[in-house]
């Protein structure tokens, strides 16, 4: 069936909206860190490789935040660090900090593989062993502190990237304005949460695992399968291969075989349309000037996201460590 024309989101005159006010507990009663209290040439069954089509849904160019004020001026770094281009991994203490030692951020292997920085750990560790420096452990002063018992809204406002949250909020709003089921709205609201806060590669799998204990099984399944389905058109429901993917990956890109198998299996599943609707709403949700606030979905989150009383990251779930990684993303260990 053909989908209705999707509505236009309201726009802000000044571009990206400011995040809503959130009360932050700057001093915790105990130290959690220390452990205390989306037209293509179709093949058989519509699963052929994507082709060039008239596109829609272009993604905006990624935005880059300015470096934190706590970074060390390159002229003040040892020559070994300046020559290696490692200035962004050193953090000076804030002006009012009691501990005046520099914090050294050692980037994880997944962030540097295939880049000139992949061998930088040794140089950074050597700096950390010197006087007046330590590896980063605990709160990074460049990041806003998290509440003791963080909620999904707290991660949206204090940790996830603005580009990522803006996209997911637009996706959820379009789904709601099209009268879709709240499960679909919830899935749209967190479908790219891994891109916004953890890893882009295999983000559907990471995202499904991250929210799995707190959402309906159908929602987690839909988030995981959208990873594969977004590459494969289904004209019967109005989904074509995104022009944005041609722009970013080139017209000759073909997804790996495992994604084709995943998409073929997902099309036979009873929850196929839930996941497909994520990809459909994805296409209309890349507008950097649209204003959507998380508070518009607090009712949906309240009904479809089981917020743990202890806070995300501290409830002892199998994925608590993933939420803690976003709380302290720069910890050495």
Foldseek 3Di string as FASTA:
>chain_A
DEADDFDDFDFDPVFADAADDDDADPDDPDDVLVPPPAAADADPPQLDFGFDDPFFQAFDDDDDDDQFPQFDPLVPDDPVCSVLVNRSQKGADDPPDPQGAIEGFQDDQVVDPPHSCNPVNVVSVVVQPDPRHHHDGDDDPSFDAHHQAADPVRCLNGFFASQVQQLLLQLLVRCVVSVHDLLLSVLSNQLQVCVRFNDDVQSLLVSLVQQVVWFDPLSSVLSNLLVLHQRTHDPVHPGHNHPNCCVVVNRPDGDDPVSSVSNVVLVPDPSNVSNNSSSVSSSVRRGSGGDGHPVVCPVSCVVGTRRDPSHQLPPPDPNSVVVVCSNVVRRPD
